[in-house]
Each structure stands twice: as structure tokens, then as C-alpha cells.
């Protein structure tokens, strides 16, 4: 049980490290664009939070590496991934998370909002076998139109 917790801590610390580097990188971009002294810049708080997150994720990483080191944690992660591949529900959940990340970080940046939302809905429903292809396409289209109508027209919220 303790090793399972250490493996989860290891994985969490890697994700948090990546997030802290992203926050720090974006904060430096804000600082450069603002052109003000650091203590007057809007980047001060994100820089402080990114630094704190970096320090705490390093502490979590070091704590998770006790009793076995990197080799033991990577072996445990490989074993966990094998278990996920065998369990269809876990595999579906993992693919769903990957599709959401693809939508959020790739599709929204490359394509217009309506097209990326339609493609995300289409791919997710197709992967989850939500019905026939006609039903999947029609539901994806209707949901995309409703989202745009509700937020842009009714609530006047600008969509990305």
C-alpha cells in the first residue's frame, strides 16, 4: 500500500513540476509584456505561486523517491499502465482524459471554437460508442450550436 502511494506521489509530482514550469514560463511572459518593475508587475503573484508550486513538487518528488528510487517508481508505473490496458473502464477513462487534453491544448489553439468543439464531441462520442454515426454527428452538431447560441447570444460571453 505504501509503495502504491509513493508511485502516485511520484506521478503527481511530475505533473505538478510540469505545471509549475508552465506557470513560471507564462509569468515571465506577462512580466516582459508589462514592462514594469517586478513588484509592480501583474506577474508577481503568478511568479510567487509558480515558485511555491515548484518547491513543493520537488519536495513531493524527493519524498516519493525514498525506498526504491526512480527505477522502482517507473516499474510501478509500467505495471499500473498494464493494468489500465487490461481494464476496459480504466482504458476508456484514460482515452477520455487524453481527448480532453487534445481538445483543450491543441484543437482550441488551431481551429475555431465551433469546429474544435464539434470534433471533440464527435471523437468522444464515437470512442464511447454512444450510438450510430448519424446520431453521434447530429448530437455533436446540436450541442455545438446550443453552446454557441447559449453563451454568445444569450449570455454574451465571448468564446475562444
N, C-alpha and C. Protein backbone atom coordinates (compact mmCIF):
# COMPACT_ATOMS: atom_id res chain seq x y z
N UNK A 1 0.83 -1.19 0.00
CA UNK A 1 0.00 0.00 0.00
C UNK A 1 0.87 1.26 0.00
N UNK A 2 1.95 1.22 0.78
CA UNK A 2 2.85 2.37 0.87
C UNK A 2 3.52 2.64 -0.48
N UNK A 3 3.93 1.57 -1.19
CA UNK A 3 4.56 1.77 -2.49
C UNK A 3 3.58 2.32 -3.51
N UNK A 4 2.32 1.91 -3.43
CA UNK A 4 1.30 2.43 -4.32
C UNK A 4 1.14 3.93 -4.11
N UNK A 5 1.16 4.37 -2.86
CA UNK A 5 1.07 5.80 -2.56
C UNK A 5 2.30 6.53 -3.07
N UNK A 6 3.47 5.91 -2.92
CA UNK A 6 4.69 6.55 -3.39
C UNK A 6 4.69 6.67 -4.92
N UNK A 7 4.14 5.68 -5.61
CA UNK A 7 4.07 5.75 -7.07
C UNK A 7 3.12 6.87 -7.48
N UNK A 8 1.99 7.00 -6.79
CA UNK A 8 1.04 8.07 -7.10
C UNK A 8 1.64 9.44 -6.77
N UNK A 9 2.39 9.52 -5.68
CA UNK A 9 3.07 10.77 -5.35
C UNK A 9 4.11 11.12 -6.41
N UNK A 10 4.81 10.10 -6.90
CA UNK A 10 5.81 10.32 -7.95
C UNK A 10 5.15 10.86 -9.21
N UNK A 11 4.08 10.24 -9.62
CA UNK A 11 3.37 10.68 -10.82
C UNK A 11 2.79 12.08 -10.63
N UNK A 12 2.21 12.33 -9.48
CA UNK A 12 1.66 13.66 -9.19
C UNK A 12 2.75 14.72 -9.17
N UNK A 13 3.89 14.39 -8.61
CA UNK A 13 4.97 15.38 -8.55
C UNK A 13 5.49 15.71 -9.95
N UNK A 14 5.53 14.75 -10.84
CA UNK A 14 5.97 15.02 -12.22
C UNK A 14 4.97 15.96 -12.90
N UNK A 15 3.69 15.68 -12.75
CA UNK A 15 2.66 16.55 -13.34
C UNK A 15 2.73 17.95 -12.74
N UNK A 16 2.89 18.04 -11.43
CA UNK A 16 2.97 19.35 -10.77
C UNK A 16 4.24 20.10 -11.15
N UNK A 17 5.34 19.38 -11.36
CA UNK A 17 6.56 20.03 -11.83
C UNK A 17 6.34 20.65 -13.21
N UNK A 18 5.73 19.90 -14.10
CA UNK A 18 5.44 20.43 -15.44
C UNK A 18 4.52 21.64 -15.36
N UNK A 19 3.51 21.56 -14.49
CA UNK A 19 2.60 22.69 -14.32
C UNK A 19 3.33 23.91 -13.76
N UNK A 20 4.20 23.70 -12.80
CA UNK A 20 4.93 24.84 -12.21
C UNK A 20 5.85 25.48 -13.24
N UNK A 21 6.51 24.68 -14.09
CA UNK A 21 7.34 25.25 -15.14
C UNK A 21 6.49 26.06 -16.13
N UNK A 22 5.33 25.56 -16.45
CA UNK A 22 4.42 26.29 -17.34
C UNK A 22 4.00 27.62 -16.72
N UNK A 23 3.63 27.60 -15.44
CA UNK A 23 3.20 28.82 -14.75
C UNK A 23 4.35 29.82 -14.71
N UNK A 24 5.55 29.37 -14.40
CA UNK A 24 6.71 30.26 -14.35
C UNK A 24 7.02 30.84 -15.73
N UNK A 25 6.97 30.02 -16.76
CA UNK A 25 7.24 30.48 -18.12
C UNK A 25 6.23 31.54 -18.55
N UNK A 26 4.95 31.27 -18.31
CA UNK A 26 3.91 32.23 -18.68
C UNK A 26 4.01 33.51 -17.84
N UNK A 27 4.40 33.37 -16.59
CA UNK A 27 4.55 34.55 -15.73
C UNK A 27 5.67 35.45 -16.23
N UNK A 28 6.77 34.86 -16.66
CA UNK A 28 7.85 35.67 -17.23
C UNK A 28 7.39 36.38 -18.50
N UNK A 29 6.52 35.72 -19.28
CA UNK A 29 5.95 36.37 -20.46
C UNK A 29 5.10 37.57 -20.08
N UNK A 30 4.31 37.43 -19.02
CA UNK A 30 3.49 38.54 -18.53
C UNK A 30 4.40 39.68 -18.05
N UNK A 31 5.46 39.33 -17.35
CA UNK A 31 6.40 40.33 -16.83
C UNK A 31 7.04 41.11 -17.99
N UNK A 32 7.47 40.41 -19.03
CA UNK A 32 8.08 41.10 -20.18
C UNK A 32 7.09 42.00 -20.89
N UNK A 33 5.86 41.54 -21.07
CA UNK A 33 4.85 42.35 -21.75
C UNK A 33 4.46 43.58 -20.93
N UNK A 34 4.44 43.45 -19.61
CA UNK A 34 4.02 44.57 -18.77
C UNK A 34 5.06 45.69 -18.78
N UNK A 35 6.32 45.32 -18.85
CA UNK A 35 7.38 46.31 -18.91
C UNK A 35 7.52 47.14 -17.63
N UNK A 36 7.10 46.61 -16.51
CA UNK A 36 7.18 47.31 -15.23
C UNK A 36 8.18 46.60 -14.33
N UNK A 37 8.51 47.26 -13.22
CA UNK A 37 9.33 46.60 -12.21
C UNK A 37 8.58 45.38 -11.69
N UNK A 38 9.32 44.39 -11.25
CA UNK A 38 8.69 43.13 -10.86
C UNK A 38 7.65 43.32 -9.75
N UNK A 39 7.94 44.13 -8.77
CA UNK A 39 6.99 44.29 -7.67
C UNK A 39 5.75 45.10 -8.07
N UNK A 40 5.77 45.75 -9.25
CA UNK A 40 4.60 46.45 -9.77
C UNK A 40 3.90 45.67 -10.88
N UNK A 41 4.52 44.61 -11.32
CA UNK A 41 4.03 43.85 -12.47
C UNK A 41 2.87 42.93 -12.07
N UNK A 42 1.93 42.70 -12.99
CA UNK A 42 0.87 41.72 -12.72
C UNK A 42 1.40 40.28 -12.67
N UNK A 43 2.68 40.11 -12.99
CA UNK A 43 3.26 38.76 -12.97
C UNK A 43 3.77 38.36 -11.60
N UNK A 44 3.76 39.27 -10.63
CA UNK A 44 4.34 38.98 -9.32
C UNK A 44 3.67 37.79 -8.64
N UNK A 45 2.35 37.81 -8.54
CA UNK A 45 1.63 36.72 -7.84
C UNK A 45 1.78 35.39 -8.59
N UNK A 46 1.59 35.35 -9.93
CA UNK A 46 1.82 34.06 -10.61
C UNK A 46 3.25 33.55 -10.46
N UNK A 47 4.23 34.46 -10.45
CA UNK A 47 5.62 34.03 -10.24
C UNK A 47 5.81 33.43 -8.84
N UNK A 48 5.23 34.07 -7.86
CA UNK A 48 5.35 33.55 -6.49
C UNK A 48 4.65 32.20 -6.37
N UNK A 49 3.45 32.08 -6.92
CA UNK A 49 2.72 30.81 -6.85
C UNK A 49 3.43 29.71 -7.63
N UNK A 50 3.96 30.06 -8.80
CA UNK A 50 4.72 29.08 -9.58
C UNK A 50 5.96 28.62 -8.85
N UNK A 51 6.65 29.54 -8.18
CA UNK A 51 7.84 29.17 -7.41
C UNK A 51 7.49 28.28 -6.23
N UNK A 52 6.42 28.61 -5.53
CA UNK A 52 5.99 27.77 -4.40
C UNK A 52 5.59 26.38 -4.90
N UNK A 53 4.85 26.34 -6.01
CA UNK A 53 4.46 25.04 -6.58
C UNK A 53 5.68 24.24 -6.99
N UNK A 54 6.68 24.89 -7.55
CA UNK A 54 7.91 24.21 -7.94
C UNK A 54 8.62 23.61 -6.72
N UNK A 55 8.75 24.40 -5.68
CA UNK A 55 9.43 23.91 -4.47
C UNK A 55 8.68 22.74 -3.86
N UNK A 56 7.36 22.87 -3.74
CA UNK A 56 6.59 21.80 -3.11
C UNK A 56 6.55 20.53 -3.96
N UNK A 57 6.54 20.67 -5.29
CA UNK A 57 6.55 19.47 -6.12
C UNK A 57 7.91 18.79 -6.10
N UNK A 58 8.99 19.56 -5.92
CA UNK A 58 10.31 18.93 -5.75
C UNK A 58 10.36 18.17 -4.42
N UNK A 59 9.80 18.75 -3.38
CA UNK A 59 9.74 18.05 -2.08
C UNK A 59 8.94 16.75 -2.22
N UNK A 60 7.80 16.82 -2.89
CA UNK A 60 6.98 15.61 -3.09
C UNK A 60 7.74 14.58 -3.93
N UNK A 61 8.45 15.03 -4.95
CA UNK A 61 9.23 14.11 -5.79
C UNK A 61 10.30 13.42 -4.96
N UNK A 62 11.04 14.18 -4.18
CA UNK A 62 12.11 13.59 -3.36
C UNK A 62 11.55 12.61 -2.33
N UNK A 63 10.40 12.95 -1.75
CA UNK A 63 9.77 12.06 -0.77
C UNK A 63 9.31 10.76 -1.44
N UNK A 64 8.82 10.88 -2.67
CA UNK A 64 8.32 9.67 -3.35
C UNK A 64 9.46 8.77 -3.81
N UNK A 65 10.67 9.32 -3.94
CA UNK A 65 11.79 8.52 -4.42
C UNK A 65 12.49 7.75 -3.30
N UNK A 66 12.09 7.99 -2.05
CA UNK A 66 12.66 7.21 -0.96
C UNK A 66 12.18 5.76 -1.09
N UNK A 67 12.99 4.84 -0.65
CA UNK A 67 12.65 3.41 -0.68
C UNK A 67 12.47 2.90 -2.11
N UNK A 68 13.50 2.99 -2.91
CA UNK A 68 13.45 2.38 -4.23
C UNK A 68 13.94 3.25 -5.36
N UNK A 69 13.78 4.52 -5.25
CA UNK A 69 14.28 5.44 -6.26
C UNK A 69 13.44 5.46 -7.53
N UNK A 70 14.01 6.08 -8.55
CA UNK A 70 13.32 6.28 -9.82
C UNK A 70 12.99 4.95 -10.50
N UNK A 71 13.92 4.01 -10.42
CA UNK A 71 13.71 2.72 -11.09
C UNK A 71 12.48 2.00 -10.54
N UNK A 72 12.33 1.99 -9.23
CA UNK A 72 11.17 1.32 -8.62
C UNK A 72 9.87 2.02 -9.00
N UNK A 73 9.87 3.35 -9.01
CA UNK A 73 8.64 4.09 -9.35
C UNK A 73 8.26 3.89 -10.82
N UNK A 74 9.24 3.87 -11.71
CA UNK A 74 8.90 3.66 -13.13
C UNK A 74 8.40 2.24 -13.37
N UNK A 75 8.96 1.27 -12.64
CA UNK A 75 8.45 -0.10 -12.76
C UNK A 75 7.01 -0.18 -12.28
N UNK A 76 6.71 0.50 -11.17
CA UNK A 76 5.34 0.51 -10.66
C UNK A 76 4.39 1.19 -11.64
N UNK A 77 4.86 2.26 -12.28
CA UNK A 77 4.02 2.95 -13.27
C UNK A 77 3.77 2.06 -14.49
N UNK A 78 4.77 1.32 -14.92
CA UNK A 78 4.59 0.41 -16.04
C UNK A 78 3.57 -0.67 -15.70
N UNK A 79 3.66 -1.17 -14.49
CA UNK A 79 2.70 -2.18 -14.03
C UNK A 79 1.29 -1.61 -13.99
N UNK A 80 1.16 -0.37 -13.51
CA UNK A 80 -0.15 0.28 -13.45
C UNK A 80 -0.72 0.48 -14.86
N UNK A 81 0.14 0.89 -15.81
CA UNK A 81 -0.33 1.08 -17.19
C UNK A 81 -0.78 -0.23 -17.81
N UNK A 82 -0.10 -1.32 -17.48
CA UNK A 82 -0.53 -2.64 -17.97
C UNK A 82 -1.91 -2.99 -17.41
N UNK A 83 -2.14 -2.67 -16.15
CA UNK A 83 -3.45 -2.92 -15.54
C UNK A 83 -4.53 -2.07 -16.19
N UNK A 84 -4.19 -0.83 -16.53
CA UNK A 84 -5.16 0.06 -17.18
C UNK A 84 -5.52 -0.47 -18.57
N UNK A 85 -4.53 -0.98 -19.29
CA UNK A 85 -4.79 -1.54 -20.63
C UNK A 85 -5.74 -2.74 -20.55
N UNK A 86 -5.63 -3.52 -19.47
CA UNK A 86 -6.47 -4.71 -19.33
C UNK A 86 -7.90 -4.37 -18.94
N UNK A 87 -8.09 -3.32 -18.14
CA UNK A 87 -9.42 -2.95 -17.66
C UNK A 87 -10.07 -1.98 -18.66
N UNK A 88 -11.18 -2.38 -19.31
CA UNK A 88 -11.78 -1.51 -20.33
C UNK A 88 -12.28 -0.17 -19.78
N UNK A 89 -12.80 -0.15 -18.56
CA UNK A 89 -13.29 1.11 -18.00
C UNK A 89 -12.15 2.09 -17.73
N UNK A 90 -11.05 1.60 -17.20
CA UNK A 90 -9.90 2.45 -16.94
C UNK A 90 -9.31 2.96 -18.25
N UNK A 91 -9.26 2.09 -19.26
CA UNK A 91 -8.74 2.50 -20.56
C UNK A 91 -9.61 3.58 -21.19
N UNK A 92 -10.92 3.43 -21.09
CA UNK A 92 -11.83 4.45 -21.62
C UNK A 92 -11.64 5.78 -20.90
N UNK A 93 -11.47 5.72 -19.59
CA UNK A 93 -11.26 6.93 -18.82
C UNK A 93 -9.96 7.62 -19.26
N UNK A 94 -8.91 6.85 -19.45
CA UNK A 94 -7.63 7.40 -19.87
C UNK A 94 -7.73 8.04 -21.25
N UNK A 95 -8.39 7.38 -22.18
CA UNK A 95 -8.57 7.94 -23.52
C UNK A 95 -9.43 9.20 -23.46
N UNK A 96 -10.44 9.21 -22.60
CA UNK A 96 -11.27 10.40 -22.43
C UNK A 96 -10.46 11.59 -21.94
N UNK A 97 -9.57 11.34 -20.99
CA UNK A 97 -8.71 12.41 -20.48
C UNK A 97 -7.76 12.90 -21.57
N UNK A 98 -7.22 11.98 -22.36
CA UNK A 98 -6.34 12.38 -23.47
C UNK A 98 -7.11 13.20 -24.50
N UNK A 99 -8.33 12.80 -24.81
CA UNK A 99 -9.14 13.57 -25.77
C UNK A 99 -9.46 14.97 -25.23
N UNK A 100 -9.74 15.08 -23.93
CA UNK A 100 -10.00 16.40 -23.35
C UNK A 100 -8.75 17.27 -23.40
N UNK A 101 -7.59 16.68 -23.14
CA UNK A 101 -6.34 17.44 -23.23
C UNK A 101 -6.06 17.86 -24.67
N UNK A 102 -6.33 16.98 -25.61
CA UNK A 102 -6.16 17.30 -27.02
C UNK A 102 -7.08 18.45 -27.42
N UNK A 103 -8.31 18.42 -26.97
CA UNK A 103 -9.27 19.49 -27.24
C UNK A 103 -8.80 20.81 -26.64
N UNK A 104 -8.41 20.77 -25.37
CA UNK A 104 -8.06 21.99 -24.65
C UNK A 104 -6.76 22.61 -25.15
N UNK A 105 -5.73 21.79 -25.34
CA UNK A 105 -4.41 22.34 -25.62
C UNK A 105 -4.04 22.36 -27.09
N UNK A 106 -4.73 21.60 -27.93
CA UNK A 106 -4.35 21.56 -29.34
C UNK A 106 -5.46 22.12 -30.23
N UNK A 107 -6.64 21.50 -30.17
CA UNK A 107 -7.70 21.89 -31.09
C UNK A 107 -8.15 23.33 -30.92
N UNK A 108 -8.32 23.78 -29.67
CA UNK A 108 -8.77 25.15 -29.44
C UNK A 108 -7.75 26.18 -29.93
N UNK A 109 -6.48 25.81 -29.96
CA UNK A 109 -5.45 26.72 -30.43
C UNK A 109 -5.33 26.75 -31.94
N UNK A 110 -5.70 25.66 -32.61
CA UNK A 110 -5.52 25.56 -34.05
C UNK A 110 -6.77 25.89 -34.87
N UNK A 111 -7.92 25.53 -34.33
CA UNK A 111 -9.17 25.63 -35.09
C UNK A 111 -10.12 26.60 -34.42
N UNK A 112 -11.12 27.08 -35.15
CA UNK A 112 -12.15 27.91 -34.49
C UNK A 112 -12.88 27.09 -33.42
N UNK A 113 -13.46 27.81 -32.46
CA UNK A 113 -14.11 27.16 -31.32
C UNK A 113 -15.18 26.18 -31.76
N UNK A 114 -16.04 26.59 -32.69
CA UNK A 114 -17.15 25.73 -33.09
C UNK A 114 -16.66 24.44 -33.72
N UNK A 115 -15.60 24.52 -34.54
CA UNK A 115 -15.10 23.32 -35.20
C UNK A 115 -14.38 22.40 -34.22
N UNK A 116 -13.58 22.97 -33.33
CA UNK A 116 -12.88 22.13 -32.35
C UNK A 116 -13.86 21.46 -31.38
N UNK A 117 -14.92 22.19 -30.99
CA UNK A 117 -15.92 21.61 -30.10
C UNK A 117 -16.67 20.48 -30.80
N UNK A 118 -17.05 20.71 -32.04
CA UNK A 118 -17.74 19.67 -32.81
C UNK A 118 -16.86 18.42 -32.95
N UNK A 119 -15.59 18.61 -33.30
CA UNK A 119 -14.68 17.46 -33.46
C UNK A 119 -14.47 16.72 -32.13
N UNK A 120 -14.34 17.48 -31.04
CA UNK A 120 -14.17 16.84 -29.73
C UNK A 120 -15.38 15.99 -29.38
N UNK A 121 -16.56 16.57 -29.54
CA UNK A 121 -17.80 15.82 -29.23
C UNK A 121 -17.90 14.58 -30.12
N UNK A 122 -17.59 14.75 -31.38
CA UNK A 122 -17.66 13.65 -32.34
C UNK A 122 -16.71 12.52 -31.95
N UNK A 123 -15.44 12.87 -31.67
CA UNK A 123 -14.46 11.85 -31.31
C UNK A 123 -14.80 11.16 -29.99
N UNK A 124 -15.20 11.94 -29.00
CA UNK A 124 -15.52 11.36 -27.71
C UNK A 124 -16.73 10.42 -27.79
N UNK A 125 -17.77 10.87 -28.45
CA UNK A 125 -18.96 10.03 -28.56
C UNK A 125 -18.70 8.78 -29.41
N UNK A 126 -17.88 8.95 -30.46
CA UNK A 126 -17.55 7.79 -31.30
C UNK A 126 -16.74 6.77 -30.50
N UNK A 127 -15.75 7.26 -29.73
CA UNK A 127 -14.94 6.35 -28.93
C UNK A 127 -15.77 5.64 -27.87
N UNK A 128 -16.72 6.36 -27.28
CA UNK A 128 -17.55 5.76 -26.23
C UNK A 128 -18.71 4.95 -26.80
N UNK A 129 -18.78 4.87 -28.11
CA UNK A 129 -19.82 4.10 -28.81
C UNK A 129 -21.21 4.53 -28.32
N UNK A 130 -21.47 5.84 -28.43
CA UNK A 130 -22.71 6.42 -27.91
C UNK A 130 -23.91 6.19 -28.81
N UNK A 131 -23.73 5.60 -29.95
CA UNK A 131 -24.84 5.34 -30.85
C UNK A 131 -24.36 5.20 -32.27
N UNK A 132 -25.31 5.30 -33.20
CA UNK A 132 -24.95 5.20 -34.61
C UNK A 132 -24.20 6.47 -35.03
N UNK A 133 -23.54 6.40 -36.16
CA UNK A 133 -22.77 7.53 -36.65
C UNK A 133 -23.66 8.74 -36.93
N UNK A 134 -24.85 8.49 -37.44
CA UNK A 134 -25.79 9.59 -37.69
C UNK A 134 -26.18 10.26 -36.39
N UNK A 135 -26.47 9.48 -35.36
CA UNK A 135 -26.84 10.02 -34.06
C UNK A 135 -25.68 10.81 -33.45
N UNK A 136 -24.48 10.27 -33.55
CA UNK A 136 -23.30 10.94 -33.00
C UNK A 136 -23.07 12.28 -33.68
N UNK A 137 -23.13 12.31 -35.01
CA UNK A 137 -22.92 13.55 -35.74
C UNK A 137 -24.01 14.56 -35.41
N UNK A 138 -25.25 14.11 -35.37
CA UNK A 138 -26.34 15.06 -35.10
C UNK A 138 -26.28 15.61 -33.67
N UNK A 139 -25.99 14.77 -32.69
CA UNK A 139 -25.90 15.25 -31.32
C UNK A 139 -24.71 16.21 -31.17
N UNK A 140 -23.60 15.89 -31.79
CA UNK A 140 -22.43 16.77 -31.73
C UNK A 140 -22.74 18.13 -32.35
N UNK A 141 -23.44 18.13 -33.45
CA UNK A 141 -23.81 19.37 -34.13
C UNK A 141 -24.78 20.19 -33.28
N UNK A 142 -25.80 19.55 -32.75
CA UNK A 142 -26.80 20.26 -31.94
C UNK A 142 -26.16 20.82 -30.67
N UNK A 143 -25.32 20.05 -30.00
CA UNK A 143 -24.68 20.52 -28.77
C UNK A 143 -23.77 21.71 -29.07
N UNK A 144 -23.02 21.64 -30.15
CA UNK A 144 -22.14 22.75 -30.52
C UNK A 144 -22.95 24.01 -30.81
N UNK A 145 -24.02 23.88 -31.55
CA UNK A 145 -24.88 25.03 -31.85
C UNK A 145 -25.50 25.59 -30.57
N UNK A 146 -25.96 24.72 -29.69
CA UNK A 146 -26.56 25.18 -28.43
C UNK A 146 -25.55 25.91 -27.54
N UNK A 147 -24.33 25.40 -27.48
CA UNK A 147 -23.30 26.06 -26.68
C UNK A 147 -23.04 27.47 -27.23
N UNK A 148 -22.88 27.57 -28.54
CA UNK A 148 -22.61 28.87 -29.15
C UNK A 148 -23.80 29.80 -28.95
N UNK A 149 -25.01 29.31 -29.16
CA UNK A 149 -26.19 30.16 -29.00
C UNK A 149 -26.36 30.61 -27.55
N UNK A 150 -26.24 29.67 -26.64
CA UNK A 150 -26.45 29.98 -25.24
C UNK A 150 -25.44 30.99 -24.71
N UNK A 151 -24.15 30.74 -24.97
CA UNK A 151 -23.13 31.59 -24.39
C UNK A 151 -22.92 32.88 -25.18
N UNK A 152 -22.81 32.79 -26.50
CA UNK A 152 -22.52 34.01 -27.27
C UNK A 152 -23.75 34.90 -27.44
N UNK A 153 -24.90 34.31 -27.70
CA UNK A 153 -26.09 35.11 -27.98
C UNK A 153 -26.83 35.46 -26.68
N UNK A 154 -27.16 34.47 -25.87
CA UNK A 154 -27.96 34.73 -24.68
C UNK A 154 -27.16 35.42 -23.56
N UNK A 155 -25.99 34.85 -23.22
CA UNK A 155 -25.21 35.38 -22.11
C UNK A 155 -24.18 36.42 -22.55
N UNK A 156 -23.95 36.54 -23.85
CA UNK A 156 -22.98 37.48 -24.41
C UNK A 156 -21.57 37.27 -23.84
N UNK A 157 -21.22 36.02 -23.76
CA UNK A 157 -19.88 35.66 -23.30
C UNK A 157 -19.04 35.33 -24.52
N UNK A 158 -17.90 36.00 -24.69
CA UNK A 158 -17.05 35.68 -25.85
C UNK A 158 -16.41 34.30 -25.68
N UNK A 159 -16.53 33.50 -26.70
CA UNK A 159 -15.94 32.17 -26.67
C UNK A 159 -14.58 32.24 -27.37
N UNK A 160 -13.69 31.34 -27.00
CA UNK A 160 -12.33 31.40 -27.60
C UNK A 160 -12.36 31.19 -29.10
